[in-house]
Amino acid sequence: MMHILNIATIVSIGLLTGTEFAVSAFINPVLWQMEDRSQARAVSLFAKKLGTAMPFWYVLSFLLLIAEAVLQRHASGLPLLIAAGTIWATVILLTLLFLVPINNRMGRLQADSFPEEAKREHHRWDAMHRLRVAALGAALVCLLLAAGV
């Protein structure tokens, strides 16, 4: 049972972290090269699609981390699991406070224009997102070290 939980947690957190990294390293730089109308449409579509799926994925991953910590409460890797869970919870809280409001505004963009204020917000979102990706990477490393990988 523990092996299945370890695999599920690592896969969930690894894929989520990779997805968030891809948004920052590949998707947004490509979007910034598009003309305004296309960029506004693409940003809006990504904001809606990822804004719908990601909250569930983040919560699922957090619940998996909690399950790992509970089931491994006597293992030597517990402090690392607690660190991963704490980082994850902090990321969720900061995402709700800072990134979600911007994402919601990006989701409401009209495809006919991409105002300068919206562009600035998108860049601000990306800067905060890069910090989130670094935190997610740290949580993933803690998880992998706790799992003995």
Protein backbone atom coordinates (compact mmCIF):
# COMPACT_ATOMS: atom_id res chain seq x y z
CA MET A 1 0.00 0.00 0.00
CA MET A 2 2.80 2.44 0.89
CA HIS A 3 4.48 1.91 -2.47
CA ILE A 4 1.27 2.75 -4.32
CA LEU A 5 0.81 5.90 -2.22
CA ASN A 6 4.46 6.91 -2.80
CA ILE A 7 4.10 6.44 -6.54
CA ALA A 8 0.77 8.28 -6.69
CA THR A 9 2.13 11.22 -4.66
CA ILE A 10 5.34 11.47 -6.65
CA VAL A 11 3.53 11.23 -9.98
CA SER A 12 0.88 13.79 -8.99
CA ILE A 13 3.33 16.32 -7.59
CA GLY A 14 5.93 15.68 -10.29
CA LEU A 15 3.47 16.13 -13.14
CA LEU A 16 1.90 19.22 -11.57
CA THR A 17 5.31 20.80 -10.99
CA GLY A 18 6.31 19.95 -14.56
CA THR A 19 3.12 21.45 -15.94
CA GLU A 20 3.65 24.66 -13.99
CA PHE A 21 7.28 24.77 -15.16
CA ALA A 22 6.16 24.32 -18.78
CA VAL A 23 3.75 27.25 -18.47
CA SER A 24 6.56 29.49 -17.24
CA ALA A 25 9.42 28.26 -19.41
CA PHE A 26 7.65 27.51 -22.70
CA ILE A 27 4.03 28.60 -22.96
CA ASN A 28 4.24 32.20 -21.71
CA PRO A 29 7.39 33.09 -23.71
CA VAL A 30 5.62 31.86 -26.87
CA LEU A 31 2.45 33.76 -25.99
CA TRP A 32 4.42 37.00 -25.62
CA GLN A 33 5.58 36.68 -29.22
CA MET A 34 2.03 36.54 -30.60
CA GLU A 35 0.13 39.53 -31.91
CA ASP A 36 -2.22 41.14 -29.38
CA ARG A 37 -5.56 39.62 -30.46
CA SER A 38 -4.18 36.10 -30.66
CA GLN A 39 -2.25 36.55 -27.44
CA ALA A 40 -5.35 37.79 -25.58
CA ARG A 41 -7.37 34.84 -26.84
CA ALA A 42 -4.68 32.28 -25.96
CA VAL A 43 -4.06 33.78 -22.50
CA SER A 44 -7.80 33.74 -21.82
CA LEU A 45 -8.15 30.12 -22.93
CA PHE A 46 -5.16 28.94 -20.89
CA ALA A 47 -6.38 30.88 -17.84
CA LYS A 48 -9.81 29.26 -18.05
CA LYS A 49 -8.59 25.73 -18.75
CA LEU A 50 -5.79 25.65 -16.18
CA GLY A 51 -7.82 27.71 -13.72
CA THR A 52 -10.45 24.99 -13.76
CA ALA A 53 -8.19 21.94 -13.46
CA MET A 54 -5.36 23.12 -11.24
CA PRO A 55 -7.26 23.76 -7.99
CA PHE A 56 -8.35 20.11 -7.85
CA TRP A 57 -4.86 18.89 -8.72
CA TYR A 58 -3.24 21.08 -6.05
CA VAL A 59 -5.68 19.89 -3.38
CA LEU A 60 -5.31 16.25 -4.42
CA SER A 61 -1.52 16.55 -4.22
CA PHE A 62 -1.76 18.20 -0.80
CA LEU A 63 -4.04 15.43 0.46
CA LEU A 64 -1.59 12.84 -0.83
CA LEU A 65 1.22 14.60 1.05
CA ILE A 66 -0.87 14.56 4.23
CA ALA A 67 -1.57 10.85 3.77
CA GLU A 68 2.15 10.21 3.27
CA ALA A 69 2.99 12.11 6.47
CA VAL A 70 0.32 10.31 8.51
CA LEU A 71 1.30 6.87 7.29
CA GLN A 72 5.03 7.58 7.67
CA ARG A 73 4.80 9.41 10.98
CA HIS A 74 7.42 7.13 12.51
CA ALA A 75 9.77 7.12 9.50
CA SER A 76 12.98 9.09 9.32
CA GLY A 77 11.69 11.08 6.32
CA LEU A 78 8.80 12.63 8.27
CA PRO A 79 10.47 16.06 8.67
CA LEU A 80 10.94 16.22 4.89
CA LEU A 81 7.29 15.27 4.31
CA ILE A 82 6.23 17.95 6.77
CA ALA A 83 8.44 20.45 4.92
CA ALA A 84 6.93 19.42 1.57
CA GLY A 85 3.40 19.70 2.97
CA THR A 86 4.14 23.09 4.54
CA ILE A 87 5.58 24.41 1.28
CA TRP A 88 2.59 23.03 -0.61
CA ALA A 89 0.07 24.60 1.78
CA THR A 90 1.89 27.94 1.57
CA VAL A 91 1.87 27.78 -2.22
CA ILE A 92 -1.88 27.10 -2.22
CA LEU A 93 -2.54 30.01 0.14
CA LEU A 94 -0.37 32.47 -1.80
CA THR A 95 -1.87 31.25 -5.07
CA LEU A 96 -5.37 31.97 -3.79
CA LEU A 97 -4.38 35.41 -2.52
CA PHE A 98 -2.28 36.65 -5.43
CA LEU A 99 -2.33 34.50 -8.56
CA VAL A 100 -5.98 33.41 -8.76
CA PRO A 101 -7.38 36.96 -8.92
CA ILE A 102 -5.04 37.82 -11.81
CA ASN A 103 -5.80 34.51 -13.53
CA ASN A 104 -9.53 35.18 -13.25
CA ARG A 105 -9.09 38.59 -14.89
CA MET A 106 -7.00 37.01 -17.66
CA GLY A 107 -9.79 34.48 -18.22
CA ARG A 108 -12.22 37.32 -18.91
CA LEU A 109 -10.05 38.97 -21.59
CA GLN A 110 -11.81 39.76 -24.82
CA ALA A 111 -10.12 38.46 -27.97
CA ASP A 112 -10.44 41.80 -29.74
CA SER A 113 -7.64 43.48 -27.76
CA PHE A 114 -4.97 42.97 -25.14
CA PRO A 115 -4.73 46.24 -23.16
CA GLU A 116 -1.37 47.31 -21.75
CA GLU A 117 -2.66 46.92 -18.18
CA ALA A 118 -3.61 43.30 -18.93
CA LYS A 119 -0.16 42.69 -20.41
CA ARG A 120 1.47 44.11 -17.29
CA GLU A 121 -0.75 41.90 -15.13
CA HIS A 122 0.15 38.85 -17.17
CA HIS A 123 3.86 39.61 -16.69
CA ARG A 124 3.29 40.19 -12.95
CA TRP A 125 1.45 36.86 -12.78
CA ASP A 126 4.34 35.15 -14.54
CA ALA A 127 6.91 36.64 -12.16
CA MET A 128 4.96 35.36 -9.14
CA HIS A 129 4.36 32.08 -10.95
CA ARG A 130 8.13 31.57 -11.32
CA LEU A 131 8.46 31.82 -7.54
CA ARG A 132 5.64 29.30 -7.20
CA VAL A 133 7.44 26.92 -9.57
CA ALA A 134 10.60 27.18 -7.46
CA ALA A 135 8.61 26.42 -4.30
CA LEU A 136 6.88 23.46 -5.97
CA GLY A 137 10.30 22.17 -7.05
CA ALA A 138 11.53 22.43 -3.46
CA ALA A 139 8.48 20.52 -2.22
CA LEU A 140 9.08 17.84 -4.86
CA VAL A 141 12.73 17.48 -3.80
CA CYS A 142 11.65 17.13 -0.14
CA LEU A 143 9.14 14.45 -1.14
CA LEU A 144 11.68 12.55 -3.20
CA LEU A 145 14.25 12.66 -0.40
CA ALA A 146 11.66 11.48 2.11
CA ALA A 147 10.71 8.61 -0.20
CA GLY A 148 14.35 7.62 -0.52
CA VAL A 149 14.40 8.15 -4.28
